[in-house]
Amino acid sequence: MREIKFRAWDKKNKVMLGAGLAGKIKLPQHDFREEDVTFMQYTGLEDKNGVEIYEGDVVERVVEFSVAVGELLGLKHTKEVGVIKWDFNRWVVKDWGFVPGHWEVIGNIYENPELLGTN
């Protein structure tokens, strides 16, 4: 059975509030309004380093592919970066399927928007 946990982004104070079981996140009691936070659900998955993956996490993987140059064949590496989201009843990165063992969490969309080139 998958553990149901959430973390929350405090929009007003611009801090990530720690993960906790559903309904158990410790939120600031002063000036708290539901519209001041964004909740992110735990996917139940871990990255290649054992880090828990949450909705809104920015993940990266290195992709190897063969390249032919004349008669020589070599390997080339490239990095792919994307955001974890829920889409059509599954967790995805962009529109790709998601294989957790191949990805690494490198940040999240709120604390590290520069990782996506949007800042």
N, C-alpha and C. Protein backbone atom coordinates (compact mmCIF):
# COMPACT_ATOMS: atom_id res chain seq x y z
N MET A 1 0.84 -1.18 0.00
CA MET A 1 0.00 0.00 0.00
C MET A 1 0.89 1.25 0.00
N ARG A 2 0.57 2.21 -0.85
CA ARG A 2 1.36 3.42 -0.97
C ARG A 2 1.06 4.38 0.17
N GLU A 3 2.12 4.95 0.73
CA GLU A 3 1.97 5.93 1.80
C GLU A 3 1.50 7.26 1.21
N ILE A 4 0.45 7.83 1.77
CA ILE A 4 -0.08 9.11 1.30
C ILE A 4 0.52 10.23 2.14
N LYS A 5 1.38 11.03 1.50
CA LYS A 5 2.03 12.15 2.19
C LYS A 5 1.98 13.37 1.28
N PHE A 6 2.10 14.53 1.90
CA PHE A 6 2.13 15.79 1.17
C PHE A 6 3.21 16.69 1.75
N ARG A 7 3.64 17.64 0.95
CA ARG A 7 4.41 18.77 1.45
C ARG A 7 3.70 20.00 0.90
N ALA A 8 4.06 21.18 1.38
CA ALA A 8 3.35 22.38 0.94
C ALA A 8 4.32 23.52 0.70
N TRP A 9 4.07 24.27 -0.36
CA TRP A 9 4.83 25.48 -0.67
C TRP A 9 4.06 26.66 -0.11
N ASP A 10 4.69 27.39 0.83
CA ASP A 10 4.09 28.58 1.43
C ASP A 10 4.37 29.74 0.48
N LYS A 11 3.35 30.15 -0.28
CA LYS A 11 3.51 31.20 -1.28
C LYS A 11 3.88 32.54 -0.67
N LYS A 12 3.33 32.83 0.49
CA LYS A 12 3.55 34.12 1.14
C LYS A 12 4.99 34.26 1.65
N ASN A 13 5.47 33.22 2.37
CA ASN A 13 6.81 33.28 2.95
C ASN A 13 7.88 32.64 2.08
N LYS A 14 7.46 32.04 0.96
CA LYS A 14 8.36 31.41 0.00
C LYS A 14 9.28 30.38 0.65
N VAL A 15 8.65 29.44 1.38
CA VAL A 15 9.39 28.33 2.00
C VAL A 15 8.60 27.04 1.79
N MET A 16 9.35 25.94 1.72
CA MET A 16 8.73 24.63 1.61
C MET A 16 8.47 24.12 3.01
N LEU A 17 7.25 23.71 3.26
CA LEU A 17 6.88 23.17 4.56
C LEU A 17 7.00 21.66 4.50
N GLY A 18 7.59 21.10 5.51
CA GLY A 18 7.95 19.69 5.54
C GLY A 18 6.85 18.73 5.19
N ALA A 19 7.26 17.57 4.73
CA ALA A 19 6.33 16.52 4.35
C ALA A 19 5.70 15.90 5.58
N GLY A 20 4.50 15.43 5.41
CA GLY A 20 3.82 14.74 6.49
C GLY A 20 2.66 13.94 5.95
N LEU A 21 2.12 13.10 6.78
CA LEU A 21 0.97 12.30 6.37
C LEU A 21 -0.20 13.21 6.07
N ALA A 22 -1.09 12.74 5.25
CA ALA A 22 -2.25 13.55 4.86
C ALA A 22 -2.90 14.17 6.08
N GLY A 23 -3.06 15.49 6.06
CA GLY A 23 -3.69 16.21 7.15
C GLY A 23 -2.78 16.49 8.32
N LYS A 24 -1.49 16.13 8.23
CA LYS A 24 -0.59 16.30 9.37
C LYS A 24 0.57 17.26 9.09
N ILE A 25 0.53 17.99 7.98
CA ILE A 25 1.60 18.95 7.70
C ILE A 25 1.49 20.09 8.70
N LYS A 26 2.61 20.48 9.27
CA LYS A 26 2.61 21.58 10.22
C LYS A 26 2.68 22.89 9.44
N LEU A 27 1.60 23.62 9.48
CA LEU A 27 1.51 24.90 8.76
C LEU A 27 1.51 26.03 9.77
N PRO A 28 2.05 27.18 9.37
CA PRO A 28 2.02 28.33 10.27
C PRO A 28 0.58 28.66 10.65
N GLN A 29 0.34 28.92 11.91
CA GLN A 29 -1.03 29.21 12.37
C GLN A 29 -1.43 30.65 12.13
N HIS A 30 -0.48 31.56 12.06
CA HIS A 30 -0.83 32.96 11.85
C HIS A 30 -1.03 33.25 10.36
N ASP A 31 -2.04 33.98 10.05
CA ASP A 31 -2.35 34.40 8.68
C ASP A 31 -2.41 33.26 7.68
N PHE A 32 -2.77 32.09 8.12
CA PHE A 32 -2.83 30.97 7.18
C PHE A 32 -4.17 30.96 6.46
N ARG A 33 -4.09 30.94 5.14
CA ARG A 33 -5.26 30.78 4.29
C ARG A 33 -4.93 29.70 3.26
N GLU A 34 -5.90 28.91 2.93
CA GLU A 34 -5.65 27.81 2.00
C GLU A 34 -5.05 28.28 0.69
N GLU A 35 -5.46 29.44 0.22
CA GLU A 35 -4.91 29.94 -1.04
C GLU A 35 -3.45 30.40 -0.94
N ASP A 36 -2.91 30.44 0.28
CA ASP A 36 -1.51 30.83 0.48
C ASP A 36 -0.53 29.68 0.33
N VAL A 37 -1.03 28.46 0.16
CA VAL A 37 -0.13 27.31 0.02
C VAL A 37 -0.52 26.46 -1.19
N THR A 38 0.46 25.77 -1.72
CA THR A 38 0.24 24.78 -2.78
C THR A 38 0.70 23.44 -2.25
N PHE A 39 -0.19 22.46 -2.26
CA PHE A 39 0.15 21.13 -1.77
C PHE A 39 0.70 20.28 -2.90
N MET A 40 1.70 19.46 -2.57
CA MET A 40 2.31 18.54 -3.52
C MET A 40 2.29 17.15 -2.92
N GLN A 41 1.76 16.20 -3.67
CA GLN A 41 1.61 14.84 -3.17
C GLN A 41 2.87 14.02 -3.43
N TYR A 42 3.18 13.17 -2.46
CA TYR A 42 4.26 12.20 -2.60
C TYR A 42 3.82 11.16 -3.63
N THR A 43 4.70 10.81 -4.55
CA THR A 43 4.36 9.86 -5.62
C THR A 43 4.40 8.41 -5.17
N GLY A 44 5.03 8.16 -4.02
CA GLY A 44 5.24 6.78 -3.60
C GLY A 44 6.48 6.19 -4.23
N LEU A 45 7.23 7.02 -4.97
CA LEU A 45 8.42 6.58 -5.69
C LEU A 45 9.66 7.28 -5.15
N GLU A 46 10.82 6.69 -5.42
CA GLU A 46 12.10 7.29 -5.04
C GLU A 46 12.96 7.41 -6.28
N ASP A 47 13.88 8.39 -6.26
CA ASP A 47 14.78 8.55 -7.40
C ASP A 47 15.93 7.54 -7.28
N LYS A 48 16.90 7.62 -8.17
CA LYS A 48 17.99 6.65 -8.20
C LYS A 48 18.87 6.70 -6.96
N ASN A 49 18.74 7.77 -6.16
CA ASN A 49 19.51 7.91 -4.92
C ASN A 49 18.68 7.64 -3.67
N GLY A 50 17.44 7.20 -3.85
CA GLY A 50 16.58 6.92 -2.71
C GLY A 50 15.85 8.12 -2.16
N VAL A 51 15.86 9.26 -2.88
CA VAL A 51 15.16 10.48 -2.46
C VAL A 51 13.69 10.37 -2.84
N GLU A 52 12.80 10.68 -1.88
CA GLU A 52 11.37 10.65 -2.17
C GLU A 52 11.02 11.67 -3.25
N ILE A 53 10.15 11.27 -4.17
CA ILE A 53 9.76 12.13 -5.28
C ILE A 53 8.35 12.66 -5.04
N TYR A 54 8.21 13.99 -5.12
CA TYR A 54 6.92 14.66 -4.95
C TYR A 54 6.50 15.32 -6.25
N GLU A 55 5.20 15.49 -6.40
CA GLU A 55 4.65 16.28 -7.49
C GLU A 55 5.35 17.64 -7.48
N GLY A 56 5.73 18.13 -8.65
CA GLY A 56 6.40 19.42 -8.73
C GLY A 56 7.92 19.34 -8.61
N ASP A 57 8.46 18.14 -8.36
CA ASP A 57 9.92 18.01 -8.31
C ASP A 57 10.48 18.11 -9.72
N VAL A 58 11.67 18.72 -9.82
CA VAL A 58 12.40 18.77 -11.08
C VAL A 58 13.37 17.59 -11.04
N VAL A 59 13.31 16.78 -12.09
CA VAL A 59 14.17 15.60 -12.16
C VAL A 59 15.02 15.65 -13.42
N GLU A 60 16.12 14.91 -13.37
CA GLU A 60 17.07 14.90 -14.48
C GLU A 60 17.54 13.47 -14.70
N ARG A 61 17.83 13.14 -15.94
CA ARG A 61 18.45 11.85 -16.24
C ARG A 61 19.45 12.05 -17.37
N VAL A 62 20.46 11.20 -17.39
CA VAL A 62 21.44 11.20 -18.47
C VAL A 62 21.04 10.11 -19.44
N VAL A 63 21.00 10.46 -20.71
CA VAL A 63 20.61 9.53 -21.76
C VAL A 63 21.82 9.28 -22.65
N GLU A 64 22.11 8.01 -22.89
CA GLU A 64 23.19 7.63 -23.80
C GLU A 64 22.59 7.15 -25.10
N PHE A 65 23.23 7.50 -26.20
CA PHE A 65 22.78 6.98 -27.48
C PHE A 65 23.97 6.83 -28.40
N SER A 66 23.84 5.94 -29.36
CA SER A 66 24.93 5.65 -30.30
C SER A 66 24.95 6.69 -31.41
N VAL A 67 26.18 7.04 -31.83
CA VAL A 67 26.36 7.99 -32.90
C VAL A 67 27.35 7.39 -33.90
N ALA A 68 26.99 7.41 -35.15
CA ALA A 68 27.89 6.91 -36.18
C ALA A 68 28.57 8.09 -36.87
N VAL A 69 29.92 8.04 -36.90
CA VAL A 69 30.70 9.06 -37.61
C VAL A 69 31.57 8.30 -38.59
N GLY A 70 31.18 8.34 -39.83
CA GLY A 70 31.87 7.52 -40.82
C GLY A 70 31.67 6.05 -40.48
N GLU A 71 32.78 5.33 -40.32
CA GLU A 71 32.68 3.91 -39.96
C GLU A 71 32.81 3.70 -38.46
N LEU A 72 33.02 4.77 -37.70
CA LEU A 72 33.17 4.65 -36.25
C LEU A 72 31.81 4.78 -35.56
N LEU A 73 31.69 4.06 -34.48
CA LEU A 73 30.47 4.13 -33.69
C LEU A 73 30.86 4.53 -32.28
N GLY A 74 30.21 5.54 -31.77
CA GLY A 74 30.53 6.00 -30.42
C GLY A 74 29.27 6.28 -29.63
N LEU A 75 29.47 6.57 -28.34
CA LEU A 75 28.35 6.91 -27.47
C LEU A 75 28.34 8.40 -27.21
N LYS A 76 27.17 8.96 -27.18
CA LYS A 76 27.01 10.37 -26.85
C LYS A 76 26.07 10.44 -25.65
N HIS A 77 26.27 11.46 -24.80
CA HIS A 77 25.44 11.64 -23.61
C HIS A 77 24.71 12.97 -23.70
N THR A 78 23.50 12.97 -23.25
CA THR A 78 22.74 14.21 -23.14
C THR A 78 21.90 14.12 -21.86
N LYS A 79 21.50 15.27 -21.34
CA LYS A 79 20.68 15.30 -20.13
C LYS A 79 19.27 15.74 -20.50
N GLU A 80 18.30 15.11 -19.86
CA GLU A 80 16.91 15.52 -19.99
C GLU A 80 16.44 15.99 -18.62
N VAL A 81 15.70 17.09 -18.61
CA VAL A 81 15.17 17.65 -17.37
C VAL A 81 13.67 17.81 -17.53
N GLY A 82 12.91 17.49 -16.48
CA GLY A 82 11.47 17.64 -16.54
C GLY A 82 10.88 17.75 -15.15
N VAL A 83 9.57 17.94 -15.11
CA VAL A 83 8.84 18.12 -13.86
C VAL A 83 7.87 16.95 -13.68
N ILE A 84 7.80 16.43 -12.46
CA ILE A 84 6.88 15.36 -12.13
C ILE A 84 5.46 15.93 -12.03
N LYS A 85 4.53 15.30 -12.72
CA LYS A 85 3.13 15.72 -12.64
C LYS A 85 2.23 14.50 -12.79
N TRP A 86 0.99 14.64 -12.36
CA TRP A 86 -0.02 13.59 -12.47
C TRP A 86 -0.77 13.82 -13.77
N ASP A 87 -0.82 12.82 -14.64
CA ASP A 87 -1.47 12.99 -15.93
C ASP A 87 -2.03 11.65 -16.40
N PHE A 88 -3.30 11.62 -16.70
CA PHE A 88 -3.95 10.39 -17.20
C PHE A 88 -3.69 9.19 -16.29
N ASN A 89 -3.92 9.38 -15.00
CA ASN A 89 -3.83 8.31 -14.00
C ASN A 89 -2.44 7.72 -13.82
N ARG A 90 -1.40 8.52 -14.04
CA ARG A 90 -0.03 8.06 -13.79
C ARG A 90 0.88 9.27 -13.59
N TRP A 91 1.99 9.03 -12.92
CA TRP A 91 3.00 10.08 -12.75
C TRP A 91 3.85 10.11 -14.01
N VAL A 92 4.09 11.30 -14.54
CA VAL A 92 4.88 11.45 -15.76
C VAL A 92 5.88 12.58 -15.59
N VAL A 93 6.88 12.56 -16.48
CA VAL A 93 7.82 13.67 -16.64
C VAL A 93 7.56 14.17 -18.05
N LYS A 94 7.18 15.43 -18.16
CA LYS A 94 6.71 15.98 -19.43
C LYS A 94 5.60 15.05 -19.91
N ASP A 95 5.70 14.53 -21.12
CA ASP A 95 4.70 13.58 -21.61
C ASP A 95 5.28 12.17 -21.70
N TRP A 96 6.46 11.97 -21.09
CA TRP A 96 7.08 10.65 -21.14
C TRP A 96 6.57 9.81 -19.99
N GLY A 97 6.72 8.52 -20.12
CA GLY A 97 6.48 7.65 -18.98
C GLY A 97 7.57 7.93 -17.95
N PHE A 98 7.41 7.40 -16.79
CA PHE A 98 8.35 7.69 -15.71
C PHE A 98 8.90 6.40 -15.12
N VAL A 99 10.22 6.21 -15.21
CA VAL A 99 10.90 5.07 -14.59
C VAL A 99 11.79 5.64 -13.50
N PRO A 100 11.38 5.52 -12.22
CA PRO A 100 12.07 6.21 -11.14
C PRO A 100 13.56 5.90 -11.00
N GLY A 101 13.98 4.69 -11.31
CA GLY A 101 15.38 4.34 -11.14
C GLY A 101 16.34 5.08 -12.03
N HIS A 102 15.83 5.73 -13.07
CA HIS A 102 16.69 6.43 -14.03
C HIS A 102 16.79 7.93 -13.77
N TRP A 103 15.97 8.45 -12.91
CA TRP A 103 15.89 9.90 -12.69
C TRP A 103 16.49 10.29 -11.35
N GLU A 104 16.90 11.55 -11.25
CA GLU A 104 17.43 12.10 -10.00
C GLU A 104 16.72 13.41 -9.70
N VAL A 105 16.24 13.59 -8.47
CA VAL A 105 15.61 14.84 -8.07
C VAL A 105 16.71 15.90 -7.94
N ILE A 106 16.55 17.03 -8.65
CA ILE A 106 17.55 18.09 -8.58
C ILE A 106 16.96 19.39 -8.02
N GLY A 107 15.68 19.39 -7.68
CA GLY A 107 15.05 20.57 -7.11
C GLY A 107 13.55 20.47 -7.25
N ASN A 108 12.87 21.61 -7.15
CA ASN A 108 11.42 21.66 -7.38
C ASN A 108 11.06 22.97 -8.06
N ILE A 109 9.86 23.03 -8.59
CA ILE A 109 9.46 24.17 -9.42
C ILE A 109 9.34 25.48 -8.65
N TYR A 110 9.23 25.42 -7.32
CA TYR A 110 9.06 26.64 -6.54
C TYR A 110 10.38 27.21 -6.04
N GLU A 111 11.24 26.35 -5.54
CA GLU A 111 12.53 26.82 -5.01
C GLU A 111 13.61 26.91 -6.07
N ASN A 112 13.44 26.22 -7.19
CA ASN A 112 14.48 26.15 -8.23
C ASN A 112 13.93 26.33 -9.64
N PRO A 113 13.15 27.38 -9.91
CA PRO A 113 12.57 27.53 -11.26
C PRO A 113 13.65 27.69 -12.35
N GLU A 114 14.83 28.12 -11.97
CA GLU A 114 15.91 28.30 -12.94
C GLU A 114 16.34 26.99 -13.59
N LEU A 115 16.07 25.87 -12.93
CA LEU A 115 16.43 24.57 -13.48
C LEU A 115 15.66 24.26 -14.76
N LEU A 116 14.54 24.93 -14.95
CA LEU A 116 13.72 24.71 -16.14
C LEU A 116 13.91 25.81 -17.18
N GLY A 117 14.81 26.74 -16.91
CA GLY A 117 15.06 27.82 -17.84
C GLY A 117 13.94 28.83 -17.92
N THR A 118 13.08 28.88 -16.87
CA THR A 118 11.95 29.81 -16.89
C THR A 118 12.23 31.09 -16.13
N ASN A 119 13.42 31.21 -15.58
CA ASN A 119 13.73 32.41 -14.78
C ASN A 119 14.87 33.19 -15.38
